[in-house]
Amino acid sequence: MSLQPLLDELEVLKAEYEKFERGNKSAGTRARKSLQNVKKICQDIRNKIQDAKKSEDAAA
């Protein structure tokens, strides 16, 4: 399991949000999309952690 996809998406979010703060309204749309991707990646990581915990409990 790697956190790199999450870190990459956070970099995209940072760039788009900074553009949005400078007045680029379409960057706001891209920032929201990036936030949705962050949410999905976080949920995937969460599920992998939970599955790993369950498999450890089953092995014990």
PDB file of N, CA and C in Angstrom:
ATOM      1  N   MET A   1       0.851  -1.173   0.000  1.00  0.00           N
ATOM      2  CA  MET A   1       0.000   0.000   0.000  1.00  0.00           C
ATOM      3  C   MET A   1       0.898   1.238   0.000  1.00  0.00           C
ATOM      4  N   SER A   2       0.550   2.184  -0.838  1.00  0.00           N
ATOM      5  CA  SER A   2       1.353   3.390  -0.986  1.00  0.00           C
ATOM      6  C   SER A   2       0.473   4.623  -0.819  1.00  0.00           C
ATOM      7  N   LEU A   3       1.035   5.633  -0.219  1.00  0.00           N
ATOM      8  CA  LEU A   3       0.321   6.899  -0.072  1.00  0.00           C
ATOM      9  C   LEU A   3       0.598   7.850  -1.227  1.00  0.00           C
ATOM     10  N   GLN A   4       1.421   7.418  -2.177  1.00  0.00           N
ATOM     11  CA  GLN A   4       1.810   8.305  -3.269  1.00  0.00           C
ATOM     12  C   GLN A   4       0.625   8.827  -4.082  1.00  0.00           C
ATOM     13  N   PRO A   5      -0.372   7.998  -4.424  1.00  0.00           N
ATOM     14  CA  PRO A   5      -1.514   8.556  -5.170  1.00  0.00           C
ATOM     15  C   PRO A   5      -2.217   9.684  -4.401  1.00  0.00           C
ATOM     16  N   LEU A   6      -2.325   9.526  -3.090  1.00  0.00           N
ATOM     17  CA  LEU A   6      -2.948  10.568  -2.274  1.00  0.00           C
ATOM     18  C   LEU A   6      -2.101  11.839  -2.286  1.00  0.00           C
ATOM     19  N   LEU A   7      -0.806  11.686  -2.125  1.00  0.00           N
ATOM     20  CA  LEU A   7       0.081  12.846  -2.136  1.00  0.00           C
ATOM     21  C   LEU A   7       0.059  13.564  -3.488  1.00  0.00           C
ATOM     22  N   ASP A   8       0.025  12.787  -4.565  1.00  0.00           N
ATOM     23  CA  ASP A   8      -0.042  13.373  -5.905  1.00  0.00           C
ATOM     24  C   ASP A   8      -1.332  14.170  -6.089  1.00  0.00           C
ATOM     25  N   GLU A   9      -2.439  13.597  -5.644  1.00  0.00           N
ATOM     26  CA  GLU A   9      -3.729  14.267  -5.791  1.00  0.00           C
ATOM     27  C   GLU A   9      -3.791  15.530  -4.925  1.00  0.00           C
ATOM     28  N   LEU A  10      -3.171  15.493  -3.759  1.00  0.00           N
ATOM     29  CA  LEU A  10      -3.129  16.684  -2.909  1.00  0.00           C
ATOM     30  C   LEU A  10      -2.329  17.810  -3.565  1.00  0.00           C
ATOM     31  N   GLU A  11      -1.292  17.456  -4.306  1.00  0.00           N
ATOM     32  CA  GLU A  11      -0.524  18.464  -5.043  1.00  0.00           C
ATOM     33  C   GLU A  11      -1.390  19.111  -6.126  1.00  0.00           C
ATOM     34  N   VAL A  12      -2.172  18.287  -6.824  1.00  0.00           N
ATOM     35  CA  VAL A  12      -3.086  18.816  -7.844  1.00  0.00           C
ATOM     36  C   VAL A  12      -4.096  19.749  -7.184  1.00  0.00           C
ATOM     37  N   LEU A  13      -4.653  19.317  -6.073  1.00  0.00           N
ATOM     38  CA  LEU A  13      -5.624  20.129  -5.345  1.00  0.00           C
ATOM     39  C   LEU A  13      -5.010  21.460  -4.938  1.00  0.00           C
ATOM     40  N   LYS A  14      -3.814  21.425  -4.409  1.00  0.00           N
ATOM     41  CA  LYS A  14      -3.141  22.649  -3.963  1.00  0.00           C
ATOM     42  C   LYS A  14      -2.984  23.632  -5.115  1.00  0.00           C
ATOM     43  N   ALA A  15      -2.534  23.138  -6.244  1.00  0.00           N
ATOM     44  CA  ALA A  15      -2.330  24.006  -7.414  1.00  0.00           C
ATOM     45  C   ALA A  15      -3.642  24.610  -7.891  1.00  0.00           C
ATOM     46  N   GLU A  16      -4.675  23.792  -7.992  1.00  0.00           N
ATOM     47  CA  GLU A  16      -5.963  24.287  -8.480  1.00  0.00           C
ATOM     48  C   GLU A  16      -6.607  25.247  -7.488  1.00  0.00           C
ATOM     49  N   TYR A  17      -6.476  24.955  -6.206  1.00  0.00           N
ATOM     50  CA  TYR A  17      -7.073  25.834  -5.201  1.00  0.00           C
ATOM     51  C   TYR A  17      -6.382  27.197  -5.192  1.00  0.00           C
ATOM     52  N   GLU A  18      -5.075  27.190  -5.368  1.00  0.00           N
ATOM     53  CA  GLU A  18      -4.351  28.466  -5.436  1.00  0.00           C
ATOM     54  C   GLU A  18      -4.805  29.288  -6.638  1.00  0.00           C
ATOM     55  N   LYS A  19      -5.035  28.627  -7.764  1.00  0.00           N
ATOM     56  CA  LYS A  19      -5.553  29.327  -8.943  1.00  0.00           C
ATOM     57  C   LYS A  19      -6.937  29.898  -8.653  1.00  0.00           C
ATOM     58  N   PHE A  20      -7.769  29.097  -7.969  1.00  0.00           N
ATOM     59  CA  PHE A  20      -9.116  29.539  -7.628  1.00  0.00           C
ATOM     60  C   PHE A  20      -9.068  30.775  -6.729  1.00  0.00           C
ATOM     61  N   GLU A  21      -8.170  30.774  -5.755  1.00  0.00           N
ATOM     62  CA  GLU A  21      -8.055  31.917  -4.850  1.00  0.00           C
ATOM     63  C   GLU A  21      -7.626  33.192  -5.573  1.00  0.00           C
ATOM     64  N   ARG A  22      -6.931  33.041  -6.686  1.00  0.00           N
ATOM     65  CA  ARG A  22      -6.518  34.204  -7.480  1.00  0.00           C
ATOM     66  C   ARG A  22      -7.623  34.657  -8.439  1.00  0.00           C
ATOM     67  N   GLY A  23      -8.779  33.984  -8.405  1.00  0.00           N
ATOM     68  CA  GLY A  23      -9.915  34.432  -9.203  1.00  0.00           C
ATOM     69  C   GLY A  23     -10.286  33.564 -10.376  1.00  0.00           C
ATOM     70  N   ASN A  24      -9.597  32.453 -10.601  1.00  0.00           N
ATOM     71  CA  ASN A  24      -9.912  31.563 -11.715  1.00  0.00           C
ATOM     72  C   ASN A  24     -11.054  30.632 -11.289  1.00  0.00           C
ATOM     73  N   LYS A  25     -12.261  30.965 -11.737  1.00  0.00           N
ATOM     74  CA  LYS A  25     -13.437  30.214 -11.289  1.00  0.00           C
ATOM     75  C   LYS A  25     -13.448  28.769 -11.791  1.00  0.00           C
ATOM     76  N   SER A  26     -12.939  28.523 -12.979  1.00  0.00           N
ATOM     77  CA  SER A  26     -12.926  27.150 -13.491  1.00  0.00           C
ATOM     78  C   SER A  26     -11.953  26.275 -12.698  1.00  0.00           C
ATOM     79  N   ALA A  27     -10.952  26.888 -12.084  1.00  0.00           N
ATOM     80  CA  ALA A  27     -10.041  26.128 -11.227  1.00  0.00           C
ATOM     81  C   ALA A  27     -10.784  25.618  -9.990  1.00  0.00           C
ATOM     82  N   GLY A  28     -11.824  26.328  -9.578  1.00  0.00           N
ATOM     83  CA  GLY A  28     -12.647  25.871  -8.454  1.00  0.00           C
ATOM     84  C   GLY A  28     -13.329  24.553  -8.773  1.00  0.00           C
ATOM     85  N   THR A  29     -13.795  24.412  -9.991  1.00  0.00           N
ATOM     86  CA  THR A  29     -14.413  23.159 -10.420  1.00  0.00           C
ATOM     87  C   THR A  29     -13.393  22.032 -10.395  1.00  0.00           C
ATOM     88  N   ARG A  30     -12.200  22.322 -10.889  1.00  0.00           N
ATOM     89  CA  ARG A  30     -11.151  21.303 -10.888  1.00  0.00           C
ATOM     90  C   ARG A  30     -10.712  20.962  -9.463  1.00  0.00           C
ATOM     91  N   ALA A  31     -10.700  21.952  -8.589  1.00  0.00           N
ATOM     92  CA  ALA A  31     -10.346  21.707  -7.186  1.00  0.00           C
ATOM     93  C   ALA A  31     -11.390  20.806  -6.527  1.00  0.00           C
ATOM     94  N   ARG A  32     -12.655  21.058  -6.808  1.00  0.00           N
ATOM     95  CA  ARG A  32     -13.716  20.208  -6.240  1.00  0.00           C
ATOM     96  C   ARG A  32     -13.593  18.777  -6.752  1.00  0.00           C
ATOM     97  N   LYS A  33     -13.277  18.619  -8.023  1.00  0.00           N
ATOM     98  CA  LYS A  33     -13.084  17.284  -8.585  1.00  0.00           C
ATOM     99  C   LYS A  33     -11.906  16.592  -7.898  1.00  0.00           C
ATOM    100  N   SER A  34     -10.849  17.342  -7.674  1.00  0.00           N
ATOM    101  CA  SER A  34      -9.678  16.792  -7.002  1.00  0.00           C
ATOM    102  C   SER A  34     -10.024  16.380  -5.573  1.00  0.00           C
ATOM    103  N   LEU A  35     -10.825  17.185  -4.887  1.00  0.00           N
ATOM    104  CA  LEU A  35     -11.270  16.821  -3.535  1.00  0.00           C
ATOM    105  C   LEU A  35     -12.060  15.513  -3.548  1.00  0.00           C
ATOM    106  N   GLN A  36     -12.877  15.339  -4.566  1.00  0.00           N
ATOM    107  CA  GLN A  36     -13.638  14.092  -4.685  1.00  0.00           C
ATOM    108  C   GLN A  36     -12.685  12.917  -4.883  1.00  0.00           C
ATOM    109  N   ASN A  37     -11.628  13.122  -5.671  1.00  0.00           N
ATOM    110  CA  ASN A  37     -10.634  12.069  -5.877  1.00  0.00           C
ATOM    111  C   ASN A  37      -9.890  11.757  -4.585  1.00  0.00           C
ATOM    112  N   VAL A  38      -9.585  12.790  -3.801  1.00  0.00           N
ATOM    113  CA  VAL A  38      -8.928  12.586  -2.508  1.00  0.00           C
ATOM    114  C   VAL A  38      -9.824  11.739  -1.611  1.00  0.00           C
ATOM    115  N   LYS A  39     -11.096  12.054  -1.605  1.00  0.00           N
ATOM    116  CA  LYS A  39     -12.054  11.290  -0.796  1.00  0.00           C
ATOM    117  C   LYS A  39     -12.051   9.819  -1.205  1.00  0.00           C
ATOM    118  N   LYS A  40     -12.059   9.553  -2.515  1.00  0.00           N
ATOM    119  CA  LYS A  40     -12.074   8.178  -3.010  1.00  0.00           C
ATOM    120  C   LYS A  40     -10.788   7.444  -2.631  1.00  0.00           C
ATOM    121  N   ILE A  41      -9.648   8.112  -2.815  1.00  0.00           N
ATOM    122  CA  ILE A  41      -8.368   7.492  -2.473  1.00  0.00           C
ATOM    123  C   ILE A  41      -8.306   7.189  -0.985  1.00  0.00           C
ATOM    124  N   CYS A  42      -8.767   8.125  -0.159  1.00  0.00           N
ATOM    125  CA  CYS A  42      -8.775   7.910   1.297  1.00  0.00           C
ATOM    126  C   CYS A  42      -9.659   6.729   1.665  1.00  0.00           C
ATOM    127  N   GLN A  43     -10.811   6.613   1.034  1.00  0.00           N
ATOM    128  CA  GLN A  43     -11.705   5.492   1.314  1.00  0.00           C
ATOM    129  C   GLN A  43     -11.057   4.176   0.900  1.00  0.00           C
ATOM    130  N   ASP A  44     -10.372   4.158  -0.230  1.00  0.00           N
ATOM    131  CA  ASP A  44      -9.677   2.946  -0.673  1.00  0.00           C
ATOM    132  C   ASP A  44      -8.593   2.541   0.332  1.00  0.00           C
ATOM    133  N   ILE A  45      -7.824   3.524   0.797  1.00  0.00           N
ATOM    134  CA  ILE A  45      -6.781   3.240   1.788  1.00  0.00           C
ATOM    135  C   ILE A  45      -7.406   2.719   3.070  1.00  0.00           C
ATOM    136  N   ARG A  46      -8.486   3.357   3.488  1.00  0.00           N
ATOM    137  CA  ARG A  46      -9.179   2.938   4.709  1.00  0.00           C
ATOM    138  C   ARG A  46      -9.642   1.485   4.596  1.00  0.00           C
ATOM    139  N   ASN A  47     -10.206   1.141   3.447  1.00  0.00           N
ATOM    140  CA  ASN A  47     -10.685  -0.232   3.238  1.00  0.00           C
ATOM    141  C   ASN A  47      -9.531  -1.227   3.252  1.00  0.00           C
ATOM    142  N   LYS A  48      -8.405  -0.865   2.657  1.00  0.00           N
ATOM    143  CA  LYS A  48      -7.239  -1.761   2.653  1.00  0.00           C
ATOM    144  C   LYS A  48      -6.729  -1.996   4.075  1.00  0.00           C
ATOM    145  N   ILE A  49      -6.706  -0.936   4.872  1.00  0.00           N
ATOM    146  CA  ILE A  49      -6.270  -1.069   6.263  1.00  0.00           C
ATOM    147  C   ILE A  49      -7.224  -1.978   7.025  1.00  0.00           C
ATOM    148  N   GLN A  50      -8.517  -1.759   6.826  1.00  0.00           N
ATOM    149  CA  GLN A  50      -9.509  -2.583   7.526  1.00  0.00           C
ATOM    150  C   GLN A  50      -9.401  -4.042   7.106  1.00  0.00           C
ATOM    151  N   ASP A  51      -9.213  -4.303   5.821  1.00  0.00           N
ATOM    152  CA  ASP A  51      -9.060  -5.678   5.338  1.00  0.00           C
ATOM    153  C   ASP A  51      -7.820  -6.337   5.933  1.00  0.00           C
ATOM    154  N   ALA A  52      -6.735  -5.570   6.033  1.00  0.00           N
ATOM    155  CA  ALA A  52      -5.506  -6.106   6.620  1.00  0.00           C
ATOM    156  C   ALA A  52      -5.728  -6.447   8.089  1.00  0.00           C
ATOM    157  N   LYS A  53      -6.443  -5.607   8.800  1.00  0.00           N
ATOM    158  CA  LYS A  53      -6.734  -5.879  10.211  1.00  0.00           C
ATOM    159  C   LYS A  53      -7.597  -7.126  10.348  1.00  0.00           C
ATOM    160  N   LYS A  54      -8.593  -7.268   9.480  1.00  0.00           N
ATOM    161  CA  LYS A  54      -9.465  -8.437   9.545  1.00  0.00           C
ATOM    162  C   LYS A  54      -8.689  -9.721   9.253  1.00  0.00           C
ATOM    163  N   SER A  55      -7.785  -9.672   8.270  1.00  0.00           N
ATOM    164  CA  SER A  55      -7.029 -10.885   7.939  1.00  0.00           C
ATOM    165  C   SER A  55      -6.067 -11.247   9.063  1.00  0.00           C
ATOM    166  N   GLU A  56      -5.525 -10.254   9.773  1.00  0.00           N
ATOM    167  CA  GLU A  56      -4.670 -10.529  10.932  1.00  0.00           C
ATOM    168  C   GLU A  56      -5.468 -11.158  12.051  1.00  0.00           C
ATOM    169  N   ASP A  57      -6.675 -10.662  12.283  1.00  0.00           N
ATOM    170  CA  ASP A  57      -7.537 -11.209  13.331  1.00  0.00           C
ATOM    171  C   ASP A  57      -7.957 -12.638  12.996  1.00  0.00           C
ATOM    172  N   ALA A  58      -8.202 -12.919  11.741  1.00  0.00           N
ATOM    173  CA  ALA A  58      -8.620 -14.252  11.319  1.00  0.00           C
ATOM    174  C   ALA A  58      -7.462 -15.234  11.451  1.00  0.00           C
ATOM    175  N   ALA A  59      -6.240 -14.765  11.241  1.00  0.00           N
ATOM    176  CA  ALA A  59      -5.071 -15.643  11.331  1.00  0.00           C
ATOM    177  C   ALA A  59      -4.713 -15.961  12.780  1.00  0.00           C
ATOM    178  N   ALA A  60      -5.123 -15.101  13.694  1.00  0.00           N
ATOM    179  CA  ALA A  60      -4.776 -15.286  15.119  1.00  0.00           C
ATOM    180  C   ALA A  60      -5.647 -16.287  15.810  1.00  0.00           C
TER     181      ALA A  60
END
